[in-house]
């Protein structure tokens, strides 16, 4: 056999082996995830048909823990020198 034929056979075997590894990996992921991980919009029938809304919201109102203006670093103020040293 000449060298070019051997290289082509090795390349073909590498491509086929790589494809087989990818296919086996995809099949493993498909079978290990189970039925609960299906595409969005699929109806499996496990969700209730009707539901009652909650009477009290889960969070009454979001309030920030820090109020007031945010601290500005050197160069961030509107009229500041952008090349000034950081404190």
N, C-alpha and C. Protein backbone atom coordinates (compact mmCIF):
# COMPACT_ATOMS: atom_id res chain seq x y z
N UNK A 1 0.84 -1.18 0.00
CA UNK A 1 0.00 0.00 0.00
C UNK A 1 0.88 1.23 0.00
N UNK A 2 0.42 2.22 -0.71
CA UNK A 2 1.23 3.43 -0.69
C UNK A 2 0.79 4.32 0.48
N UNK A 3 1.56 5.35 0.74
CA UNK A 3 1.37 6.18 1.93
C UNK A 3 0.10 7.02 1.85
N UNK A 4 -0.26 7.48 0.66
CA UNK A 4 -1.46 8.30 0.54
C UNK A 4 -2.73 7.49 0.84
N UNK A 5 -2.77 6.26 0.41
CA UNK A 5 -3.93 5.42 0.68
C UNK A 5 -4.06 5.14 2.18
N UNK A 6 -2.94 4.91 2.83
CA UNK A 6 -2.95 4.65 4.28
C UNK A 6 -3.46 5.89 5.02
N UNK A 7 -3.02 7.07 4.60
CA UNK A 7 -3.46 8.29 5.26
C UNK A 7 -4.96 8.53 5.05
N UNK A 8 -5.47 8.22 3.86
CA UNK A 8 -6.90 8.39 3.60
C UNK A 8 -7.73 7.40 4.43
N UNK A 9 -7.23 6.19 4.57
CA UNK A 9 -7.95 5.19 5.37
C UNK A 9 -7.97 5.63 6.83
N UNK A 10 -6.85 6.13 7.34
CA UNK A 10 -6.79 6.60 8.73
C UNK A 10 -7.72 7.79 8.95
N UNK A 11 -7.75 8.71 7.98
CA UNK A 11 -8.62 9.86 8.09
C UNK A 11 -10.09 9.42 8.09
N UNK A 12 -10.44 8.50 7.22
CA UNK A 12 -11.82 8.00 7.19
C UNK A 12 -12.20 7.30 8.49
N UNK A 13 -11.28 6.54 9.04
CA UNK A 13 -11.55 5.86 10.31
C UNK A 13 -11.70 6.87 11.44
N UNK A 14 -10.90 7.93 11.43
CA UNK A 14 -11.00 8.95 12.47
C UNK A 14 -12.33 9.69 12.38
N UNK A 15 -12.77 10.01 11.17
CA UNK A 15 -14.05 10.69 11.00
C UNK A 15 -15.20 9.78 11.45
N UNK A 16 -15.15 8.53 11.05
CA UNK A 16 -16.21 7.60 11.45
C UNK A 16 -16.22 7.39 12.96
N UNK A 17 -15.06 7.28 13.57
CA UNK A 17 -14.98 7.10 15.02
C UNK A 17 -15.46 8.33 15.76
N UNK A 18 -15.10 9.50 15.28
CA UNK A 18 -15.57 10.74 15.91
C UNK A 18 -17.08 10.88 15.82
N UNK A 19 -17.63 10.53 14.67
CA UNK A 19 -19.09 10.57 14.53
C UNK A 19 -19.79 9.58 15.45
N UNK A 20 -19.19 8.42 15.62
CA UNK A 20 -19.78 7.42 16.51
C UNK A 20 -19.75 7.89 17.96
N UNK A 21 -18.66 8.54 18.37
CA UNK A 21 -18.56 9.05 19.74
C UNK A 21 -19.61 10.13 19.98
N UNK A 22 -19.79 11.02 19.01
CA UNK A 22 -20.79 12.08 19.15
C UNK A 22 -22.20 11.48 19.20
N UNK A 23 -22.47 10.49 18.37
CA UNK A 23 -23.78 9.86 18.37
C UNK A 23 -24.06 9.14 19.68
N UNK A 24 -23.07 8.44 20.21
CA UNK A 24 -23.26 7.76 21.49
C UNK A 24 -23.46 8.76 22.63
N UNK A 25 -22.74 9.86 22.60
CA UNK A 25 -22.92 10.89 23.62
C UNK A 25 -24.31 11.49 23.56
N UNK A 26 -24.80 11.77 22.37
CA UNK A 26 -26.15 12.30 22.23
C UNK A 26 -27.21 11.32 22.69
N UNK A 27 -27.02 10.04 22.38
CA UNK A 27 -27.98 9.03 22.82
C UNK A 27 -27.96 8.90 24.34
N UNK A 28 -26.78 8.99 24.94
CA UNK A 28 -26.68 8.90 26.40
C UNK A 28 -27.39 10.07 27.06
N UNK A 29 -27.20 11.26 26.53
CA UNK A 29 -27.88 12.43 27.10
C UNK A 29 -29.38 12.30 26.93
N UNK A 30 -29.83 11.83 25.78
CA UNK A 30 -31.26 11.68 25.53
C UNK A 30 -31.90 10.70 26.50
N UNK A 31 -31.25 9.60 26.76
CA UNK A 31 -31.84 8.57 27.61
C UNK A 31 -31.69 8.87 29.10
N UNK A 32 -30.69 9.64 29.50
CA UNK A 32 -30.52 9.92 30.93
C UNK A 32 -31.37 11.08 31.41
N UNK A 33 -31.81 11.97 30.52
CA UNK A 33 -32.61 13.11 30.98
C UNK A 33 -34.03 12.72 31.33
N UNK A 34 -34.61 11.81 30.67
CA UNK A 34 -35.95 11.37 31.00
C UNK A 34 -37.02 12.22 30.35
N UNK A 35 -38.27 11.97 30.73
CA UNK A 35 -39.41 12.60 30.09
C UNK A 35 -39.67 14.01 30.61
N UNK A 36 -39.17 14.37 31.79
CA UNK A 36 -39.49 15.69 32.32
C UNK A 36 -38.78 16.81 31.59
N UNK A 37 -37.74 16.50 30.81
CA UNK A 37 -37.03 17.50 30.05
C UNK A 37 -37.40 17.38 28.58
N UNK A 38 -38.58 17.86 28.26
CA UNK A 38 -39.02 17.81 26.87
C UNK A 38 -39.00 19.21 26.30
N UNK A 39 -39.31 19.34 25.06
CA UNK A 39 -39.30 20.64 24.40
C UNK A 39 -40.39 21.53 24.98
N UNK A 40 -40.13 22.83 24.99
CA UNK A 40 -41.11 23.77 25.49
C UNK A 40 -42.34 23.75 24.60
N UNK A 41 -43.50 23.77 25.21
CA UNK A 41 -44.73 23.76 24.45
C UNK A 41 -45.33 22.38 24.31
N UNK A 42 -44.63 21.34 24.70
CA UNK A 42 -45.22 20.02 24.61
C UNK A 42 -46.16 19.82 25.78
N UNK A 43 -47.27 19.19 25.51
CA UNK A 43 -48.26 18.98 26.57
C UNK A 43 -48.19 17.53 27.01
N UNK A 44 -47.75 17.34 28.25
CA UNK A 44 -47.65 15.99 28.77
C UNK A 44 -48.85 15.62 29.61
N UNK A 45 -49.69 16.59 29.97
CA UNK A 45 -50.87 16.29 30.75
C UNK A 45 -50.62 16.28 32.24
N UNK A 46 -49.40 16.55 32.69
CA UNK A 46 -49.12 16.52 34.12
C UNK A 46 -49.48 17.84 34.79
N UNK A 47 -49.63 18.91 34.04
CA UNK A 47 -49.96 20.20 34.62
C UNK A 47 -51.46 20.28 34.84
N UNK A 48 -51.90 20.94 35.91
CA UNK A 48 -53.35 21.05 36.13
C UNK A 48 -53.99 21.94 35.08
N UNK A 49 -55.24 21.63 34.77
CA UNK A 49 -55.95 22.38 33.74
C UNK A 49 -56.32 23.78 34.23
N UNK A 50 -56.75 23.89 35.47
CA UNK A 50 -57.11 25.19 36.02
C UNK A 50 -56.37 25.38 37.33
N UNK A 51 -56.10 26.63 37.67
CA UNK A 51 -55.45 26.92 38.94
C UNK A 51 -56.03 28.21 39.49
N UNK A 52 -56.04 28.33 40.80
CA UNK A 52 -56.54 29.54 41.42
C UNK A 52 -55.36 30.45 41.72
N UNK A 53 -55.48 31.74 41.44
CA UNK A 53 -54.38 32.65 41.71
C UNK A 53 -54.20 32.84 43.22
N UNK A 54 -53.00 33.12 43.68
CA UNK A 54 -52.80 33.32 45.11
C UNK A 54 -53.48 34.61 45.57
N UNK A 55 -53.98 34.60 46.80
CA UNK A 55 -54.69 35.77 47.31
C UNK A 55 -53.72 36.86 47.75
N UNK A 56 -52.54 36.49 48.23
CA UNK A 56 -51.53 37.45 48.66
C UNK A 56 -50.30 37.28 47.79
N UNK A 57 -49.74 38.37 47.25
CA UNK A 57 -48.54 38.21 46.43
C UNK A 57 -47.37 37.69 47.27
N UNK A 58 -46.45 37.00 46.62
CA UNK A 58 -45.32 36.42 47.33
C UNK A 58 -44.42 37.50 47.92
N UNK A 59 -44.22 38.59 47.21
CA UNK A 59 -43.42 39.71 47.69
C UNK A 59 -44.30 40.95 47.63
N UNK A 60 -44.46 41.62 48.77
CA UNK A 60 -45.34 42.78 48.80
C UNK A 60 -44.80 43.90 47.91
N UNK A 61 -43.57 44.33 48.14
CA UNK A 61 -42.96 45.37 47.34
C UNK A 61 -41.46 45.26 47.48
N UNK A 62 -40.77 45.35 46.38
CA UNK A 62 -39.31 45.30 46.43
C UNK A 62 -38.78 46.65 46.88
N UNK A 63 -37.90 46.64 47.87
CA UNK A 63 -37.30 47.86 48.39
C UNK A 63 -35.79 47.72 48.36
N UNK A 64 -35.07 48.73 47.85
CA UNK A 64 -33.61 48.63 47.83
C UNK A 64 -33.03 48.75 49.23
N UNK A 65 -31.94 48.07 49.46
CA UNK A 65 -31.30 48.14 50.77
C UNK A 65 -30.48 49.40 50.93
N UNK A 66 -30.02 49.99 49.82
CA UNK A 66 -29.24 51.23 49.86
C UNK A 66 -30.02 52.28 49.08
N UNK A 67 -30.21 53.44 49.68
CA UNK A 67 -30.91 54.51 48.99
C UNK A 67 -29.95 55.67 48.79
N UNK A 68 -30.28 56.55 47.87
CA UNK A 68 -29.45 57.71 47.61
C UNK A 68 -28.62 57.53 46.36
N UNK A 69 -27.81 58.53 46.04
CA UNK A 69 -27.01 58.42 44.82
C UNK A 69 -25.89 57.41 44.96
N UNK A 70 -25.54 56.80 43.87
CA UNK A 70 -24.46 55.83 43.87
C UNK A 70 -23.12 56.55 43.96
N UNK A 71 -22.14 55.98 44.65
CA UNK A 71 -20.83 56.63 44.72
C UNK A 71 -20.14 56.58 43.36
N UNK A 72 -19.49 57.67 43.00
CA UNK A 72 -18.79 57.75 41.73
C UNK A 72 -17.30 57.68 41.98
N UNK A 73 -16.61 57.00 41.09
CA UNK A 73 -15.16 56.91 41.16
C UNK A 73 -14.54 58.03 40.34
N UNK A 74 -13.26 58.18 40.42
CA UNK A 74 -12.57 59.23 39.69
C UNK A 74 -12.82 59.04 38.20
N UNK A 75 -13.22 60.10 37.54
CA UNK A 75 -13.47 60.05 36.11
C UNK A 75 -14.89 59.72 35.73
N UNK A 76 -15.75 59.39 36.70
CA UNK A 76 -17.13 59.06 36.38
C UNK A 76 -18.07 60.25 36.54
N UNK A 77 -17.68 61.26 37.30
CA UNK A 77 -18.53 62.43 37.48
C UNK A 77 -18.66 63.16 36.14
N UNK A 78 -19.73 63.93 35.95
CA UNK A 78 -19.95 64.57 34.65
C UNK A 78 -18.83 65.51 34.24
N UNK A 79 -18.25 66.27 35.18
CA UNK A 79 -17.21 67.23 34.83
C UNK A 79 -15.83 66.81 35.35
N UNK A 80 -15.63 65.54 35.58
CA UNK A 80 -14.37 65.07 36.17
C UNK A 80 -13.32 64.82 35.09
N UNK A 81 -12.09 64.78 35.51
CA UNK A 81 -10.98 64.46 34.63
C UNK A 81 -10.89 62.95 34.52
N UNK A 82 -11.07 62.36 33.34
CA UNK A 82 -11.05 60.90 33.22
C UNK A 82 -9.67 60.29 33.46
N UNK A 83 -8.62 61.13 33.46
CA UNK A 83 -7.28 60.60 33.68
C UNK A 83 -6.79 60.85 35.11
N UNK A 84 -7.69 61.25 35.97
CA UNK A 84 -7.31 61.51 37.35
C UNK A 84 -7.00 60.19 38.06
N UNK A 85 -6.19 60.28 39.12
CA UNK A 85 -5.84 59.09 39.89
C UNK A 85 -7.01 58.59 40.70
N UNK A 86 -7.08 57.30 40.88
CA UNK A 86 -8.11 56.70 41.72
C UNK A 86 -7.71 56.93 43.17
N UNK A 87 -8.65 57.25 44.07
CA UNK A 87 -8.29 57.46 45.48
C UNK A 87 -7.91 56.17 46.16
